[in-house]
N, C-alpha and C. Protein backbone atom coordinates (compact mmCIF):
# COMPACT_ATOMS: atom_id res chain seq x y z
N UNK A 1 39.73 13.94 -1.74
CA UNK A 1 40.37 13.44 -0.55
C UNK A 1 41.61 12.64 -0.93
N UNK A 2 42.78 13.00 -0.46
CA UNK A 2 43.95 12.25 -0.69
C UNK A 2 44.33 11.37 0.54
N UNK A 3 44.26 10.11 0.35
CA UNK A 3 44.51 9.20 1.49
C UNK A 3 45.65 8.28 1.29
N UNK A 4 46.17 8.15 0.03
CA UNK A 4 47.24 7.30 -0.24
C UNK A 4 46.81 5.83 -0.55
N UNK A 5 45.48 5.62 -0.70
CA UNK A 5 45.00 4.31 -1.02
C UNK A 5 44.44 4.20 -2.40
N UNK A 6 44.53 5.24 -3.18
CA UNK A 6 43.91 5.28 -4.48
C UNK A 6 42.44 5.51 -4.37
N UNK A 7 41.68 4.99 -5.35
CA UNK A 7 40.18 5.18 -5.36
C UNK A 7 39.61 4.48 -4.07
N UNK A 8 38.82 5.14 -3.32
CA UNK A 8 38.30 4.63 -2.03
C UNK A 8 37.12 3.70 -2.30
N UNK A 9 37.23 2.54 -1.69
CA UNK A 9 36.09 1.54 -1.79
C UNK A 9 35.20 1.65 -0.60
N UNK A 10 35.81 1.68 0.63
CA UNK A 10 35.04 1.62 1.86
C UNK A 10 35.73 2.47 2.91
N UNK A 11 35.01 3.18 3.73
CA UNK A 11 35.49 3.85 4.90
C UNK A 11 34.63 3.47 6.12
N UNK A 12 35.24 3.50 7.26
CA UNK A 12 34.55 3.11 8.53
C UNK A 12 35.22 3.82 9.68
N UNK A 13 34.40 4.58 10.45
CA UNK A 13 34.87 5.09 11.70
C UNK A 13 34.49 4.12 12.79
N UNK A 14 35.43 3.80 13.72
CA UNK A 14 35.14 2.82 14.80
C UNK A 14 35.86 3.28 16.06
N UNK A 15 35.28 2.94 17.20
CA UNK A 15 35.90 3.28 18.49
C UNK A 15 36.79 2.11 18.86
N UNK A 16 38.06 2.35 19.15
CA UNK A 16 38.95 1.31 19.65
C UNK A 16 39.89 1.94 20.60
N UNK A 17 40.15 1.26 21.75
CA UNK A 17 41.12 1.68 22.76
C UNK A 17 40.80 3.13 23.19
N UNK A 18 39.61 3.50 23.27
CA UNK A 18 39.20 4.85 23.69
C UNK A 18 39.44 5.94 22.64
N UNK A 19 39.69 5.51 21.43
CA UNK A 19 39.98 6.49 20.34
C UNK A 19 39.07 6.30 19.15
N UNK A 20 38.83 7.36 18.43
CA UNK A 20 38.10 7.28 17.14
C UNK A 20 39.10 6.91 16.09
N UNK A 21 38.83 5.81 15.40
CA UNK A 21 39.72 5.30 14.41
C UNK A 21 39.03 5.34 13.07
N UNK A 22 39.72 5.84 12.03
CA UNK A 22 39.14 5.86 10.71
C UNK A 22 39.95 4.90 9.82
N UNK A 23 39.25 3.98 9.15
CA UNK A 23 39.82 3.04 8.27
C UNK A 23 39.36 3.31 6.89
N UNK A 24 40.31 3.43 5.93
CA UNK A 24 39.97 3.71 4.54
C UNK A 24 40.59 2.56 3.75
N UNK A 25 39.72 1.91 2.90
CA UNK A 25 40.13 0.79 2.10
C UNK A 25 40.04 1.20 0.65
N UNK A 26 41.13 0.99 -0.07
CA UNK A 26 41.15 1.31 -1.47
C UNK A 26 40.70 0.18 -2.36
N UNK A 27 40.31 0.50 -3.55
CA UNK A 27 39.90 -0.47 -4.58
C UNK A 27 41.16 -1.26 -4.99
N UNK A 28 41.12 -2.59 -4.93
CA UNK A 28 42.26 -3.40 -5.40
C UNK A 28 42.69 -3.05 -6.81
N UNK A 29 43.97 -2.89 -6.99
CA UNK A 29 44.55 -2.54 -8.32
C UNK A 29 45.58 -3.49 -8.74
N UNK A 30 45.87 -3.64 -10.05
CA UNK A 30 46.94 -4.49 -10.48
C UNK A 30 48.26 -4.04 -9.83
N UNK A 31 49.03 -5.03 -9.31
CA UNK A 31 50.24 -4.64 -8.62
C UNK A 31 51.26 -4.03 -9.56
N UNK A 32 51.36 -4.55 -10.78
CA UNK A 32 52.19 -3.91 -11.84
C UNK A 32 51.70 -4.37 -13.18
N UNK A 33 52.14 -3.72 -14.19
CA UNK A 33 51.62 -4.08 -15.54
C UNK A 33 52.09 -5.45 -15.99
N UNK A 34 53.15 -5.98 -15.43
CA UNK A 34 53.70 -7.30 -15.88
C UNK A 34 53.32 -8.42 -14.97
N UNK A 35 52.65 -8.09 -13.84
CA UNK A 35 52.35 -9.14 -12.86
C UNK A 35 50.84 -9.32 -12.77
N UNK A 36 50.42 -10.54 -12.54
CA UNK A 36 48.96 -10.85 -12.42
C UNK A 36 48.43 -10.60 -11.04
N UNK A 37 49.28 -10.20 -10.11
CA UNK A 37 48.88 -9.95 -8.73
C UNK A 37 48.17 -8.61 -8.60
N UNK A 38 47.38 -8.53 -7.47
CA UNK A 38 46.65 -7.29 -7.13
C UNK A 38 47.11 -6.78 -5.76
N UNK A 39 47.00 -5.46 -5.55
CA UNK A 39 47.28 -4.89 -4.27
C UNK A 39 46.07 -4.08 -3.81
N UNK A 40 45.81 -4.17 -2.55
CA UNK A 40 44.75 -3.40 -1.88
C UNK A 40 45.44 -2.53 -0.82
N UNK A 41 45.29 -1.27 -0.95
CA UNK A 41 45.92 -0.35 0.05
C UNK A 41 44.94 0.07 1.03
N UNK A 42 45.34 0.07 2.31
CA UNK A 42 44.47 0.48 3.42
C UNK A 42 45.19 1.52 4.28
N UNK A 43 44.41 2.35 4.89
CA UNK A 43 45.00 3.39 5.80
C UNK A 43 44.15 3.36 7.10
N UNK A 44 44.86 3.32 8.24
CA UNK A 44 44.26 3.36 9.55
C UNK A 44 44.72 4.56 10.27
N UNK A 45 43.81 5.45 10.65
CA UNK A 45 44.18 6.69 11.32
C UNK A 45 43.59 6.67 12.76
N UNK A 46 44.34 7.06 13.72
CA UNK A 46 43.88 7.22 15.05
C UNK A 46 44.41 6.24 16.09
N UNK A 47 45.13 5.24 15.68
CA UNK A 47 45.69 4.26 16.61
C UNK A 47 47.04 4.72 17.09
N UNK A 48 47.77 5.44 16.30
CA UNK A 48 49.13 5.91 16.63
C UNK A 48 49.25 7.33 16.05
N UNK A 49 50.36 8.03 16.37
CA UNK A 49 50.47 9.45 16.04
C UNK A 49 50.25 9.72 14.51
N UNK A 50 50.78 8.86 13.68
CA UNK A 50 50.60 8.98 12.21
C UNK A 50 49.76 7.90 11.70
N UNK A 51 49.31 8.09 10.46
CA UNK A 51 48.49 7.00 9.84
C UNK A 51 49.25 5.76 9.58
N UNK A 52 48.62 4.64 9.66
CA UNK A 52 49.21 3.34 9.42
C UNK A 52 48.80 2.93 8.00
N UNK A 53 49.75 2.62 7.17
CA UNK A 53 49.46 2.16 5.81
C UNK A 53 49.71 0.68 5.66
N UNK A 54 48.75 -0.02 5.06
CA UNK A 54 48.85 -1.49 4.84
C UNK A 54 48.72 -1.73 3.38
N UNK A 55 49.53 -2.67 2.89
CA UNK A 55 49.41 -3.13 1.52
C UNK A 55 49.14 -4.64 1.54
N UNK A 56 47.99 -5.04 1.07
CA UNK A 56 47.67 -6.46 1.03
C UNK A 56 47.60 -6.93 -0.42
N UNK A 57 48.09 -8.08 -0.69
CA UNK A 57 48.17 -8.61 -2.07
C UNK A 57 47.39 -9.89 -2.27
N UNK A 58 47.12 -10.17 -3.49
CA UNK A 58 46.42 -11.45 -3.79
C UNK A 58 46.45 -11.65 -5.28
N UNK A 59 46.19 -12.89 -5.72
CA UNK A 59 46.24 -13.19 -7.12
C UNK A 59 44.98 -12.68 -7.89
N UNK A 60 43.94 -12.43 -7.13
CA UNK A 60 42.74 -11.81 -7.72
C UNK A 60 42.37 -10.58 -6.85
N UNK A 61 41.59 -9.64 -7.41
CA UNK A 61 41.24 -8.46 -6.63
C UNK A 61 40.53 -8.81 -5.35
N UNK A 62 39.64 -9.78 -5.32
CA UNK A 62 38.94 -10.14 -4.12
C UNK A 62 39.87 -10.74 -3.06
N UNK A 63 40.88 -11.54 -3.54
CA UNK A 63 41.83 -12.00 -2.56
C UNK A 63 42.63 -10.89 -1.88
N UNK A 64 43.03 -9.89 -2.66
CA UNK A 64 43.77 -8.77 -2.06
C UNK A 64 42.86 -7.98 -1.09
N UNK A 65 41.60 -7.86 -1.48
CA UNK A 65 40.67 -7.14 -0.57
C UNK A 65 40.43 -7.92 0.68
N UNK A 66 40.21 -9.18 0.59
CA UNK A 66 39.99 -10.01 1.83
C UNK A 66 41.21 -10.06 2.71
N UNK A 67 42.36 -10.10 2.09
CA UNK A 67 43.63 -10.14 2.86
C UNK A 67 43.77 -8.78 3.69
N UNK A 68 43.46 -7.70 3.00
CA UNK A 68 43.45 -6.34 3.67
C UNK A 68 42.45 -6.27 4.78
N UNK A 69 41.26 -6.68 4.54
CA UNK A 69 40.20 -6.67 5.55
C UNK A 69 40.58 -7.57 6.72
N UNK A 70 41.24 -8.67 6.49
CA UNK A 70 41.73 -9.56 7.54
C UNK A 70 42.70 -8.85 8.44
N UNK A 71 43.58 -8.02 7.80
CA UNK A 71 44.59 -7.29 8.60
C UNK A 71 43.85 -6.24 9.48
N UNK A 72 42.87 -5.57 8.93
CA UNK A 72 42.13 -4.59 9.75
C UNK A 72 41.46 -5.29 10.88
N UNK A 73 40.80 -6.46 10.58
CA UNK A 73 40.15 -7.20 11.65
C UNK A 73 41.05 -7.61 12.70
N UNK A 74 42.24 -8.04 12.38
CA UNK A 74 43.20 -8.47 13.35
C UNK A 74 43.79 -7.28 14.18
N UNK A 75 44.14 -6.23 13.45
CA UNK A 75 44.72 -5.06 14.22
C UNK A 75 43.78 -4.33 15.07
N UNK A 76 42.52 -4.33 14.73
CA UNK A 76 41.50 -3.63 15.50
C UNK A 76 40.72 -4.49 16.42
N UNK A 77 40.97 -5.78 16.37
CA UNK A 77 40.24 -6.81 17.19
C UNK A 77 38.76 -6.68 17.02
N UNK A 78 38.33 -6.71 15.73
CA UNK A 78 36.91 -6.63 15.36
C UNK A 78 36.63 -7.68 14.36
N UNK A 79 35.47 -8.30 14.41
CA UNK A 79 35.15 -9.29 13.34
C UNK A 79 34.81 -8.56 12.09
N UNK A 80 34.99 -9.25 11.05
CA UNK A 80 34.77 -8.64 9.70
C UNK A 80 33.29 -8.21 9.58
N UNK A 81 32.36 -9.01 9.93
CA UNK A 81 30.96 -8.62 9.86
C UNK A 81 30.67 -7.35 10.67
N UNK A 82 31.23 -7.25 11.88
CA UNK A 82 31.07 -6.05 12.71
C UNK A 82 31.74 -4.82 12.02
N UNK A 83 32.87 -5.00 11.48
CA UNK A 83 33.56 -3.93 10.86
C UNK A 83 32.74 -3.40 9.63
N UNK A 84 32.21 -4.31 8.84
CA UNK A 84 31.49 -3.92 7.61
C UNK A 84 30.04 -3.49 7.87
N UNK A 85 29.53 -3.79 9.12
CA UNK A 85 28.11 -3.51 9.37
C UNK A 85 27.79 -2.06 9.29
N UNK A 86 28.72 -1.17 9.59
CA UNK A 86 28.46 0.25 9.54
C UNK A 86 29.41 0.99 8.61
N UNK A 87 29.97 0.25 7.65
CA UNK A 87 30.91 0.87 6.73
C UNK A 87 30.17 1.73 5.68
N UNK A 88 30.90 2.68 5.17
CA UNK A 88 30.39 3.55 4.09
C UNK A 88 31.04 3.20 2.79
N UNK A 89 30.24 2.76 1.84
CA UNK A 89 30.74 2.39 0.53
C UNK A 89 31.03 3.65 -0.24
N UNK A 90 32.19 3.72 -0.82
CA UNK A 90 32.53 4.89 -1.68
C UNK A 90 33.33 5.97 -0.96
N UNK A 91 33.57 5.82 0.30
CA UNK A 91 34.47 6.69 1.02
C UNK A 91 33.95 8.06 1.25
N UNK A 92 32.82 8.21 1.84
CA UNK A 92 32.27 9.58 2.05
C UNK A 92 32.58 10.15 3.36
N UNK A 93 33.53 9.66 4.10
CA UNK A 93 33.96 10.20 5.41
C UNK A 93 35.23 11.02 5.20
N UNK A 94 35.40 12.03 6.01
CA UNK A 94 36.62 12.86 5.85
C UNK A 94 37.71 12.29 6.83
N UNK A 95 38.98 12.50 6.52
CA UNK A 95 40.03 12.03 7.37
C UNK A 95 39.94 12.67 8.77
N UNK A 96 40.49 11.99 9.78
CA UNK A 96 40.47 12.49 11.11
C UNK A 96 41.30 13.80 11.19
N UNK A 97 42.40 13.84 10.48
CA UNK A 97 43.28 15.03 10.55
C UNK A 97 43.33 15.61 9.16
N UNK A 98 42.34 16.45 8.85
CA UNK A 98 42.26 17.09 7.55
C UNK A 98 43.32 18.13 7.32
């Protein structure tokens, strides 16, 4: 599955605004070989005509991940525990538009 987020960490389908929305969260990766920062790439499908790509950064992998999950929580108006409650670890869901 090519999603543009790298290796998939978590996927979650959720209903928002009367639509089925698929969120794909990538594993945080080093931002560059010379920088100590990390980036977590996320993809949200179903809210607008094309997929929405988000890049969240942090000094540590967990900071980048939490920053990205915070963006998802804010954009979808869902609490983080609710979002993660039915998430699939490892990305076993297919994209909405295969």
